[in-house]
Amino acid sequence: MQGSVSLYDLSPGGIHFHPDAAALSMPIKIYRSVVLAAVLLCVSATTSMAEPVSRESLAHAEMLRARAMSGSNAMAIVTSLTTEVGPRLAGSEAEARARVWALNTLTQKGFTNVRNESFEMDAWKRHEEGAEILSPYPQPLAVTALGGSVPTDKNGLSAELVLFETLEDLRRAPEGSLTGRIAYVGHAMQRTQDGSSYGYFNTARTDGPSIAAGKGAAGYLIRSVGTDSHRFPHTGSLRYRADRPRIPALALSNPDADQIERIAADGTTLSVRIKVDSSEVPAAQSGNVIAEVVGREAPEEIVLVGAHLDSWDLGTGAIDDGAGVGITMAALELIKDAGLAPRRTIRLVLWGAEEVGLLGANAYQDRHKAELPQHVIGSESDFGGGRVWKVTADSQTEAGDELFAELARLMAPIGIAPGSDDQPGGGPDLYPLIAAGVPTLRLHQDGRDYFDLHHTADDTVDKLDAASLDQNVAAFAVFAWLVADSDVSFRSASE
């Protein structure tokens, strides 16, 4: 996406369209929301409406929900992944071991068509990093290099620090005003249930280094894009622009960012030293691991569920996204172990290299382009292990709305309410499929503490709650089974 203009931005809250695109499509969105609301009100009150699924299928869904809520294998799966493999940086030897772990685990569990679909990528490797205040009050700083950062020289970079309260303030700085200096950008991201503020504040991380370089900066520091108050800085990918110099870029923990801002509050000039030792690994290998519960009548029709297998290298990737791996794998395991054979195929995809630009998702879209019209719907678990509180979908048919009404009814007893979204979602790895016309459903998790842990050394398995994972498994099992055992289409006839 470097150097291009897109109609949407990527964030855990789904696709966020730019205002012009949103305005153009608003009448359709309102219409779909009204139709779904009407269906939800009437579906249990009328006997004339055609049933989107059989009573037997509904009974199986209720059974799956009960079994998941009484205890699933989700916690055991994520514990195995994060213990036996640990952190899984995209393109690394550790990510390769994660693929072997996934292939072995899925094969042992008896899934069908277990395979790895490999692809090549340019990887990045962290070696050493650090920062310190040189003056006026010398002291060390807790930092981490942003993913993809170029290195400093072996002695680091020492320079005056220029503070900006927001990324917009940096954008407005005169060209050349930061020559030879290090730019610092703060922000005021707050915790929210749906993580909706991340998409906006995250641009300080992704775009900030190139914006600073355009003003002449020699280096870049950012307040971590997170909501915690611990000395655990948050990493994450940056995006260098091809027409700007590439400068070293690091994130400060929030307490260290507070310290910087306190010192600078009275107008005192700060000097800092930053150091990054990193390297690029061209032609590295990654891959998507796939397994299936094959459909009995329409195996070519695909209901897709997934999570991403890679993680950042600071913690063990339990929250992001070992939890999603455990949830989705356990949901399909429940269906398989119950001896159920859905009408359509349910496909599990454990995406590779999500953290560095949805590379696995794009590779999947390219490889499966011819069969995407037969992808019925998709959903991903990639927002930690919090309980699901809302379900939304972007069906374009009346039959689809009727089926989602049944899904909502089945999920209500475990605390999940139906809602509406302005934009399609489903999870970051589904964005390339959404662009290709694949409908999605999203199970919204409670993410109020997600950005306390996201991309930090504190992302470890002890932060997960088994009962919350089980509730997620129940929701995914009900969704995957009920849709796969139907013949409902969610796409308009014109597609």
Protein backbone atom coordinates (compact mmCIF):
# COMPACT_ATOMS: atom_id res chain seq x y z
CA MET A 1 0.00 0.00 0.00
CA GLN A 2 3.07 2.21 0.14
CA GLY A 3 2.64 5.41 -1.80
CA SER A 4 -0.97 4.65 -2.79
CA VAL A 5 -4.35 6.07 -1.85
CA SER A 6 -6.93 3.61 -0.49
CA LEU A 7 -10.62 3.98 0.22
CA TYR A 8 -10.12 2.25 3.55
CA ASP A 9 -7.76 2.01 6.50
CA LEU A 10 -6.98 -1.20 8.39
CA SER A 11 -7.69 -1.62 12.10
CA PRO A 12 -9.07 -4.20 14.52
CA GLY A 13 -12.36 -2.34 14.37
CA GLY A 14 -12.80 -3.42 10.75
CA ILE A 15 -12.43 -1.51 7.51
CA HIS A 16 -12.78 2.21 8.03
CA PHE A 17 -13.73 3.88 4.78
CA HIS A 18 -12.79 7.43 3.98
CA PRO A 19 -15.73 9.86 4.24
CA ASP A 20 -16.45 10.10 0.53
CA ALA A 21 -16.81 6.33 0.20
CA ALA A 22 -18.96 6.15 3.32
CA ALA A 23 -21.30 8.86 2.06
CA LEU A 24 -21.77 7.12 -1.26
CA SER A 25 -22.78 3.81 0.34
CA MET A 26 -24.77 5.04 3.35
CA PRO A 27 -28.28 4.46 1.91
CA ILE A 28 -27.49 0.79 1.28
CA LYS A 29 -26.06 0.35 4.79
CA ILE A 30 -29.10 1.90 6.41
CA TYR A 31 -31.39 -0.30 4.32
CA ARG A 32 -29.55 -3.49 5.28
CA SER A 33 -29.60 -2.54 8.99
CA VAL A 34 -33.35 -1.87 8.84
CA VAL A 35 -34.02 -5.19 7.11
CA LEU A 36 -31.92 -7.13 9.64
CA ALA A 37 -33.62 -5.40 12.56
CA ALA A 38 -37.03 -6.26 11.15
CA VAL A 39 -36.04 -9.87 10.66
CA LEU A 40 -34.74 -10.11 14.22
CA LEU A 41 -38.08 -8.86 15.52
CA CYS A 42 -40.22 -11.16 13.41
CA VAL A 43 -38.30 -14.38 12.91
CA SER A 44 -39.60 -16.09 16.03
CA ALA A 45 -43.12 -14.66 15.70
CA THR A 46 -44.04 -15.86 12.22
CA THR A 47 -44.62 -19.37 10.94
CA SER A 48 -44.88 -18.46 7.28
CA MET A 49 -41.22 -17.44 6.84
CA ALA A 50 -39.10 -20.13 5.17
CA GLU A 51 -36.65 -21.71 7.57
CA PRO A 52 -33.02 -20.97 6.57
CA VAL A 53 -31.80 -24.08 8.43
CA SER A 54 -33.40 -27.30 9.61
CA ARG A 55 -34.57 -27.96 13.14
CA GLU A 56 -32.01 -30.77 13.36
CA SER A 57 -29.23 -28.35 12.43
CA LEU A 58 -30.42 -25.89 15.09
CA ALA A 59 -30.40 -28.70 17.65
CA HIS A 60 -26.82 -29.56 16.71
CA ALA A 61 -25.85 -25.89 17.11
CA GLU A 62 -27.35 -25.82 20.61
CA MET A 63 -25.43 -28.98 21.46
CA LEU A 64 -22.15 -27.46 20.24
CA ARG A 65 -22.79 -24.32 22.25
CA ALA A 66 -23.39 -26.33 25.42
CA ARG A 67 -20.30 -28.49 24.93
CA ALA A 68 -18.07 -25.46 24.37
CA MET A 69 -19.40 -23.65 27.41
CA SER A 70 -18.74 -26.68 29.57
CA GLY A 71 -15.08 -26.62 28.54
CA SER A 72 -13.17 -26.61 25.24
CA ASN A 73 -9.57 -27.25 24.23
CA ALA A 74 -8.87 -23.60 23.37
CA MET A 75 -6.67 -22.89 26.39
CA ALA A 76 -4.73 -26.12 25.92
CA ILE A 77 -4.09 -25.25 22.27
CA VAL A 78 -2.82 -21.70 22.87
CA THR A 79 -0.74 -22.90 25.84
CA SER A 80 0.88 -25.54 23.64
CA LEU A 81 1.66 -23.03 20.87
CA THR A 82 3.11 -20.35 23.14
CA THR A 83 5.09 -22.83 25.25
CA GLU A 84 6.47 -25.12 22.55
CA VAL A 85 7.14 -22.39 19.99
CA GLY A 86 6.96 -19.03 21.80
CA PRO A 87 7.29 -15.79 19.80
CA ARG A 88 6.84 -16.26 16.05
CA LEU A 89 8.18 -13.30 14.07
CA ALA A 90 7.09 -13.38 10.42
CA GLY A 91 9.63 -15.04 8.16
CA SER A 92 11.72 -16.35 11.05
CA GLU A 93 12.82 -19.86 11.98
CA ALA A 94 10.36 -19.64 14.88
CA GLU A 95 7.44 -18.97 12.54
CA ALA A 96 8.54 -22.03 10.54
CA ARG A 97 8.43 -24.10 13.74
CA ALA A 98 4.94 -22.74 14.40
CA ARG A 99 3.82 -24.06 11.01
CA VAL A 100 5.24 -27.49 11.85
CA TRP A 101 3.45 -27.33 15.22
CA ALA A 102 0.18 -26.43 13.48
CA LEU A 103 0.50 -29.16 10.84
CA ASN A 104 1.26 -31.79 13.48
CA THR A 105 -1.51 -30.62 15.82
CA LEU A 106 -4.17 -30.50 13.10
CA THR A 107 -3.13 -33.89 11.73
CA GLN A 108 -3.21 -35.48 15.20
CA LYS A 109 -6.68 -34.05 15.75
CA GLY A 110 -7.89 -35.79 12.61
CA PHE A 111 -8.68 -32.86 10.33
CA THR A 112 -8.85 -33.32 6.57
CA ASN A 113 -6.70 -31.73 3.84
CA VAL A 114 -4.10 -30.44 6.31
CA ARG A 115 -1.45 -28.54 4.38
CA ASN A 116 0.90 -25.59 4.26
CA GLU A 117 0.69 -23.10 1.41
CA SER A 118 4.07 -21.39 1.41
CA PHE A 119 5.01 -17.97 0.08
CA GLU A 120 8.14 -15.87 -0.02
CA MET A 121 8.65 -12.58 1.80
CA ASP A 122 11.33 -10.12 2.84
CA ALA A 123 11.69 -10.49 6.60
CA TRP A 124 13.08 -8.23 9.32
CA LYS A 125 15.10 -9.21 12.37
CA ARG A 126 15.65 -7.35 15.65
CA HIS A 127 19.10 -7.58 17.25
CA GLU A 128 19.61 -4.79 19.78
CA GLU A 129 17.90 -1.56 20.76
CA GLY A 130 18.08 1.11 23.41
CA ALA A 131 17.69 4.78 24.23
CA GLU A 132 18.67 7.23 26.93
CA ILE A 133 18.28 10.87 27.88
CA LEU A 134 21.65 12.60 27.61
CA SER A 135 20.54 15.97 29.00
CA PRO A 136 19.29 17.68 31.07
CA TYR A 137 18.68 14.62 33.31
CA PRO A 138 20.62 11.58 32.10
CA GLN A 139 18.69 8.31 32.46
CA PRO A 140 17.78 5.19 30.46
CA LEU A 141 14.53 4.85 28.53
CA ALA A 142 12.44 1.74 27.92
CA VAL A 143 12.06 1.45 24.14
CA THR A 144 11.58 -1.04 21.36
CA ALA A 145 12.33 -0.69 17.66
CA LEU A 146 9.33 -0.52 15.35
CA GLY A 147 9.10 -3.47 13.00
CA GLY A 148 11.03 -2.78 9.83
CA SER A 149 13.17 0.00 11.32
CA VAL A 150 16.52 0.59 9.72
CA PRO A 151 19.52 0.49 12.09
CA THR A 152 21.50 3.38 13.44
CA ASP A 153 25.27 3.18 13.19
CA LYS A 154 27.01 1.13 15.87
CA ASN A 155 27.33 4.11 18.22
CA GLY A 156 23.70 5.08 17.91
CA LEU A 157 22.22 8.47 17.05
CA SER A 158 22.55 11.40 19.48
CA ALA A 159 20.52 14.51 18.81
CA GLU A 160 18.12 17.10 20.16
CA LEU A 161 14.57 15.79 20.64
CA VAL A 162 11.69 17.86 19.25
CA LEU A 163 8.28 17.05 20.75
CA PHE A 164 4.92 17.04 18.96
CA GLU A 165 1.68 16.43 20.78
CA THR A 166 0.03 14.71 17.82
CA LEU A 167 0.93 13.38 14.39
CA GLU A 168 -1.05 16.23 12.87
CA ASP A 169 1.25 18.70 14.63
CA LEU A 170 4.23 16.94 13.04
CA ARG A 171 2.56 17.11 9.61
CA ARG A 172 2.28 20.89 10.00
CA ALA A 173 5.93 21.41 10.89
CA PRO A 174 7.84 23.35 8.22
CA GLU A 175 9.99 21.33 5.85
CA GLY A 176 13.61 21.30 7.01
CA SER A 177 12.69 22.34 10.55
CA LEU A 178 13.84 19.00 12.01
CA THR A 179 17.13 18.66 10.14
CA GLY A 180 19.56 16.60 12.23
CA ARG A 181 17.05 16.21 15.08
CA ILE A 182 14.93 13.36 16.44
CA ALA A 183 11.16 13.81 16.30
CA TYR A 184 8.90 12.60 19.11
CA VAL A 185 5.13 12.17 18.68
CA GLY A 186 2.67 11.64 21.51
CA HIS A 187 -1.05 10.91 21.46
CA ALA A 188 -4.02 10.41 23.79
CA MET A 189 -5.33 6.97 22.80
CA GLN A 190 -7.93 5.70 25.28
CA ARG A 191 -9.19 2.20 26.02
CA THR A 192 -12.49 1.25 24.36
CA GLN A 193 -14.52 -1.93 24.28
CA ASP A 194 -14.18 -2.32 20.52
CA GLY A 195 -10.67 -0.91 20.03
CA SER A 196 -12.08 1.65 17.63
CA SER A 197 -9.52 4.36 18.46
CA TYR A 198 -6.57 2.22 17.36
CA GLY A 199 -7.09 2.77 13.65
CA TYR A 200 -6.75 6.54 14.08
CA PHE A 201 -3.85 6.70 16.54
CA ASN A 202 -1.91 3.88 14.87
CA THR A 203 -0.98 6.13 11.95
CA ALA A 204 1.55 7.81 14.23
CA ARG A 205 3.41 4.49 14.20
CA THR A 206 2.91 3.43 10.60
CA ASP A 207 3.27 6.79 8.81
CA GLY A 208 5.13 8.90 11.37
CA PRO A 209 8.71 7.92 10.46
CA SER A 210 8.34 8.99 6.83
CA ILE A 211 6.49 12.17 7.77
CA ALA A 212 9.32 13.06 10.17
CA ALA A 213 11.94 12.23 7.56
CA GLY A 214 10.18 14.60 5.16
CA LYS A 215 10.81 17.40 7.67
CA GLY A 216 14.50 16.51 7.85
CA ALA A 217 14.46 14.36 11.01
CA ALA A 218 17.31 11.90 11.52
CA GLY A 219 15.35 9.65 13.89
CA TYR A 220 11.87 9.05 15.28
CA LEU A 221 10.40 8.26 18.71
CA ILE A 222 6.74 7.61 19.45
CA ARG A 223 4.66 7.14 22.55
CA SER A 224 3.63 3.47 22.34
CA VAL A 225 0.26 2.90 20.72
CA GLY A 226 -1.18 1.26 23.81
CA THR A 227 -3.26 1.89 26.91
CA ASP A 228 -1.13 0.44 29.72
CA SER A 229 0.99 2.27 32.30
CA HIS A 230 3.85 -0.25 32.46
CA ARG A 231 7.38 -0.04 31.12
CA PHE A 232 6.55 -2.41 28.27
CA PRO A 233 6.90 -0.54 24.97
CA HIS A 234 4.66 -1.64 22.06
CA THR A 235 6.23 -2.59 18.76
CA GLY A 236 4.45 -2.93 15.39
CA SER A 237 5.15 -2.34 11.73
CA LEU A 238 5.98 0.98 10.15
CA ARG A 239 5.59 1.85 6.48
CA TYR A 240 8.45 3.72 4.87
CA ARG A 241 7.59 5.84 1.84
CA ALA A 242 9.74 5.21 -1.21
CA ASP A 243 10.27 8.94 -1.77
CA ARG A 244 11.57 9.71 1.74
CA PRO A 245 14.76 8.76 3.62
CA ARG A 246 14.38 5.75 5.90
CA ILE A 247 15.19 6.75 9.47
CA PRO A 248 15.48 4.62 12.64
CA ALA A 249 12.24 4.52 14.61
CA LEU A 250 11.41 3.33 18.12
CA ALA A 251 8.49 3.31 20.57
CA LEU A 252 8.75 4.48 24.18
CA SER A 253 6.79 2.81 26.95
CA ASN A 254 3.99 5.05 28.18
CA PRO A 255 5.68 5.86 31.54
CA ASP A 256 8.86 6.84 29.68
CA ALA A 257 6.86 8.99 27.29
CA ASP A 258 5.33 10.68 30.35
CA GLN A 259 8.83 11.30 31.68
CA ILE A 260 9.96 12.87 28.41
CA GLU A 261 6.92 15.14 28.34
CA ARG A 262 7.38 16.21 31.98
CA ILE A 263 10.97 17.22 31.37
CA ALA A 264 10.03 19.17 28.25
CA ALA A 265 7.02 20.88 29.83
CA ASP A 266 9.01 23.92 31.02
CA GLY A 267 10.70 24.42 27.66
CA THR A 268 13.88 22.56 28.57
CA THR A 269 15.85 21.28 25.60
CA LEU A 270 16.28 17.49 25.63
CA SER A 271 19.06 15.53 24.02
CA VAL A 272 18.71 11.79 23.59
CA ARG A 273 20.60 8.89 22.13
CA ILE A 274 18.79 6.09 20.29
CA LYS A 275 20.25 2.85 19.01
CA VAL A 276 18.81 0.20 16.71
CA ASP A 277 20.61 -2.86 15.41
CA SER A 278 18.43 -4.71 12.91
CA SER A 279 18.75 -6.53 9.62
CA GLU A 280 16.68 -7.48 6.60
CA VAL A 281 16.31 -11.09 5.49
CA PRO A 282 15.42 -11.25 1.78
CA ALA A 283 13.60 -14.24 0.29
CA ALA A 284 12.47 -15.62 3.65
CA GLN A 285 9.71 -18.22 3.85
CA SER A 286 6.26 -17.96 5.42
CA GLY A 287 3.01 -19.82 4.80
CA ASN A 288 -0.67 -20.33 5.55
CA VAL A 289 -1.59 -23.56 7.33
CA ILE A 290 -4.97 -24.94 6.25
CA ALA A 291 -7.26 -27.72 7.50
CA GLU A 292 -10.86 -28.63 6.70
CA VAL A 293 -14.05 -30.30 7.82
CA VAL A 294 -15.20 -31.36 4.36
CA GLY A 295 -18.80 -30.77 3.32
CA ARG A 296 -21.06 -33.75 2.62
CA GLU A 297 -23.08 -32.24 -0.26
CA ALA A 298 -21.31 -29.08 -1.46
CA PRO A 299 -17.63 -29.52 -0.53
CA GLU A 300 -16.62 -26.82 -3.01
CA GLU A 301 -18.52 -24.17 -1.03
CA ILE A 302 -16.28 -22.74 1.71
CA VAL A 303 -17.14 -21.29 5.11
CA LEU A 304 -13.84 -19.81 6.26
CA VAL A 305 -12.68 -19.24 9.83
CA GLY A 306 -9.18 -18.31 10.88
CA ALA A 307 -6.56 -16.57 12.97
CA HIS A 308 -2.97 -15.56 12.33
CA LEU A 309 -0.12 -17.82 13.36
CA ASP A 310 2.72 -15.30 13.47
CA SER A 311 3.35 -12.84 16.30
CA TRP A 312 5.74 -10.13 17.34
CA ASP A 313 8.97 -11.16 19.01
CA LEU A 314 8.72 -9.47 22.41
CA GLY A 315 6.16 -11.69 24.18
CA THR A 316 4.93 -15.16 23.29
CA GLY A 317 2.02 -14.04 21.14
CA ALA A 318 -0.75 -15.41 23.36
CA ILE A 319 -3.14 -12.48 23.07
CA ASP A 320 -2.13 -11.62 19.51
CA ASP A 321 -2.98 -14.10 18.13
CA GLY A 322 -2.47 -17.40 19.92
CA ALA A 323 -5.91 -16.92 21.44
CA GLY A 324 -7.47 -16.79 17.99
CA VAL A 325 -5.62 -19.94 16.95
CA GLY A 326 -6.93 -21.74 20.03
CA ILE A 327 -10.49 -20.45 19.62
CA THR A 328 -10.94 -21.31 15.95
CA MET A 329 -9.13 -24.65 16.07
CA ALA A 330 -11.14 -25.70 19.15
CA ALA A 331 -14.41 -24.66 17.47
CA LEU A 332 -13.78 -26.87 14.46
CA GLU A 333 -12.53 -29.66 16.70
CA LEU A 334 -15.88 -29.59 18.53
CA ILE A 335 -17.77 -30.00 15.25
CA LYS A 336 -15.51 -32.81 14.04
CA ASP A 337 -15.46 -34.69 17.35
CA ALA A 338 -19.26 -34.53 17.55
CA GLY A 339 -19.34 -36.56 14.35
CA LEU A 340 -21.13 -33.81 12.45
CA ALA A 341 -20.72 -33.46 8.70
CA PRO A 342 -21.94 -30.07 7.45
CA ARG A 343 -23.41 -29.56 4.02
CA ARG A 344 -20.55 -27.21 3.04
CA THR A 345 -16.84 -27.34 3.83
CA ILE A 346 -15.56 -25.45 6.85
CA ARG A 347 -11.99 -24.31 6.21
CA LEU A 348 -9.59 -23.21 8.94
CA VAL A 349 -6.79 -20.89 7.80
CA LEU A 350 -3.92 -20.02 10.14
CA TRP A 351 -2.46 -17.05 8.30
CA GLY A 352 1.26 -16.36 8.07
CA ALA A 353 2.95 -12.96 8.25
CA GLU A 354 -0.13 -10.98 9.26
CA GLU A 355 1.78 -8.59 11.51
CA VAL A 356 3.98 -7.24 8.75
CA GLY A 357 1.27 -6.34 6.24
CA LEU A 358 -1.33 -9.13 5.81
CA LEU A 359 1.11 -11.00 3.57
CA GLY A 360 -0.50 -14.38 4.17
CA ALA A 361 -3.96 -13.00 3.49
CA ASN A 362 -2.82 -11.52 0.20
CA ALA A 363 -1.05 -14.75 -0.74
CA TYR A 364 -4.25 -16.70 0.00
CA GLN A 365 -6.32 -14.30 -2.09
CA ASP A 366 -3.92 -14.68 -5.02
CA ARG A 367 -3.73 -18.46 -4.77
CA HIS A 368 -7.46 -19.05 -4.35
CA LYS A 369 -8.72 -16.32 -6.68
CA ALA A 370 -10.64 -18.73 -8.90
CA GLU A 371 -12.57 -20.25 -5.99
CA LEU A 372 -13.35 -17.05 -4.09
CA PRO A 373 -16.86 -16.84 -5.65
CA GLN A 374 -17.56 -20.09 -3.78
CA HIS A 375 -16.39 -18.70 -0.45
CA VAL A 376 -19.73 -18.37 1.28
CA ILE A 377 -18.62 -16.22 4.23
CA GLY A 378 -15.61 -15.70 6.50
CA SER A 379 -14.74 -14.71 10.05
CA GLU A 380 -11.48 -14.32 11.96
CA SER A 381 -10.54 -14.28 15.65
CA ASP A 382 -7.85 -11.61 16.10
CA PHE A 383 -8.66 -9.40 19.06
CA GLY A 384 -7.39 -11.33 22.08
CA GLY A 385 -9.32 -13.61 24.42
CA GLY A 386 -12.05 -11.35 25.81
CA ARG A 387 -15.68 -12.47 25.78
CA VAL A 388 -17.74 -11.85 22.65
CA TRP A 389 -20.43 -9.22 23.30
CA LYS A 390 -21.80 -8.46 19.83
CA VAL A 391 -22.24 -10.16 16.47
CA THR A 392 -22.50 -8.27 13.17
CA ALA A 393 -22.57 -9.33 9.54
CA ASP A 394 -22.71 -7.87 6.06
CA SER A 395 -25.26 -10.14 4.39
CA GLN A 396 -26.76 -8.82 1.15
CA THR A 397 -29.75 -11.18 1.01
CA GLU A 398 -32.99 -11.67 2.89
CA ALA A 399 -32.19 -15.34 3.46
CA GLY A 400 -28.85 -14.32 4.93
CA ASP A 401 -30.56 -11.93 7.31
CA GLU A 402 -32.92 -14.70 8.39
CA LEU A 403 -30.01 -17.01 9.12
CA PHE A 404 -28.22 -14.30 11.11
CA ALA A 405 -31.38 -13.85 13.13
CA GLU A 406 -31.19 -17.53 14.06
CA LEU A 407 -27.51 -17.10 14.92
CA ALA A 408 -28.36 -14.15 17.15
CA ARG A 409 -31.04 -16.18 18.93
CA LEU A 410 -28.59 -19.01 19.58
CA MET A 411 -25.87 -16.65 20.82
CA ALA A 412 -28.09 -14.61 23.14
CA PRO A 413 -27.92 -17.17 26.00
CA ILE A 414 -24.13 -16.73 26.16
CA GLY A 415 -24.32 -12.93 26.32
CA ILE A 416 -23.94 -11.98 22.67
CA ALA A 417 -26.31 -9.39 21.20
CA PRO A 418 -26.88 -8.64 17.51
CA GLY A 419 -25.71 -5.27 16.25
CA SER A 420 -25.03 -3.41 13.05
CA ASP A 421 -21.83 -2.05 11.55
CA ASP A 422 -21.45 0.72 9.01
CA GLN A 423 -18.71 -1.27 7.28
CA PRO A 424 -17.90 -4.93 6.63
CA GLY A 425 -15.38 -6.44 9.01
CA GLY A 426 -14.62 -9.99 10.08
CA GLY A 427 -10.92 -9.51 10.91
CA PRO A 428 -7.81 -8.02 9.30
CA ASP A 429 -6.83 -11.11 7.31
CA LEU A 430 -10.20 -11.03 5.58
CA TYR A 431 -9.69 -7.57 4.09
CA PRO A 432 -8.31 -8.91 0.76
CA LEU A 433 -11.27 -11.31 0.58
CA ILE A 434 -13.74 -8.53 1.37
CA ALA A 435 -12.25 -6.55 -1.50
CA ALA A 436 -12.94 -9.59 -3.68
CA GLY A 437 -16.59 -9.67 -2.60
CA VAL A 438 -16.57 -12.34 0.13
CA PRO A 439 -19.20 -11.60 2.83
CA THR A 440 -18.05 -11.61 6.47
CA LEU A 441 -19.35 -12.00 9.98
CA ARG A 442 -17.65 -10.53 13.01
CA LEU A 443 -17.79 -11.73 16.59
CA HIS A 444 -16.85 -8.61 18.55
CA GLN A 445 -14.74 -9.30 21.65
CA ASP A 446 -14.41 -7.11 24.71
CA GLY A 447 -11.07 -5.42 24.06
CA ARG A 448 -10.84 -2.95 26.93
CA ASP A 449 -7.52 -4.43 28.08
CA TYR A 450 -6.31 -5.60 24.65
CA PHE A 451 -4.04 -2.62 24.04
CA ASP A 452 -2.48 -3.01 27.48
CA LEU A 453 -0.78 -6.13 26.10
CA HIS A 454 -0.80 -5.81 22.30
CA HIS A 455 2.68 -6.07 20.70
CA THR A 456 4.48 -6.04 24.08
CA ALA A 457 6.67 -8.37 26.15
CA ASP A 458 3.62 -8.70 28.43
CA ASP A 459 1.67 -10.66 25.78
CA THR A 460 1.84 -14.04 27.51
CA VAL A 461 -0.56 -16.91 28.14
CA ASP A 462 -1.19 -16.12 31.82
CA LYS A 463 -3.28 -13.13 30.68
CA LEU A 464 -5.92 -15.42 29.12
CA ASP A 465 -9.05 -16.74 30.85
CA ALA A 466 -10.19 -20.24 29.90
CA ALA A 467 -13.91 -19.55 30.44
CA SER A 468 -13.77 -16.50 28.14
CA LEU A 469 -12.04 -18.57 25.46
CA ASP A 470 -14.75 -21.23 25.79
CA GLN A 471 -17.46 -18.62 25.21
CA ASN A 472 -15.63 -17.56 22.02
CA VAL A 473 -15.41 -21.19 20.93
CA ALA A 474 -19.16 -21.59 21.47
CA ALA A 475 -19.86 -18.58 19.25
CA PHE A 476 -17.50 -19.69 16.46
CA ALA A 477 -18.82 -23.27 16.55
CA VAL A 478 -22.44 -22.13 16.29
CA PHE A 479 -21.61 -19.74 13.44
CA ALA A 480 -19.45 -22.17 11.45
CA TRP A 481 -21.83 -25.10 11.84
CA LEU A 482 -25.08 -23.30 11.16
CA VAL A 483 -23.85 -21.52 8.03
CA ALA A 484 -22.01 -24.56 6.70
CA ASP A 485 -25.06 -26.79 7.18
CA SER A 486 -27.29 -24.44 5.18
CA ASP A 487 -27.63 -23.54 1.52
CA VAL A 488 -28.08 -19.83 2.23
CA SER A 489 -26.27 -17.29 0.07
CA PHE A 490 -25.17 -13.97 1.53
CA ARG A 491 -24.31 -12.30 -1.78
CA SER A 492 -26.70 -10.38 -3.94
CA ALA A 493 -27.76 -12.04 -7.18
CA SER A 494 -25.82 -9.42 -9.18
CA GLU A 495 -22.45 -10.65 -7.89
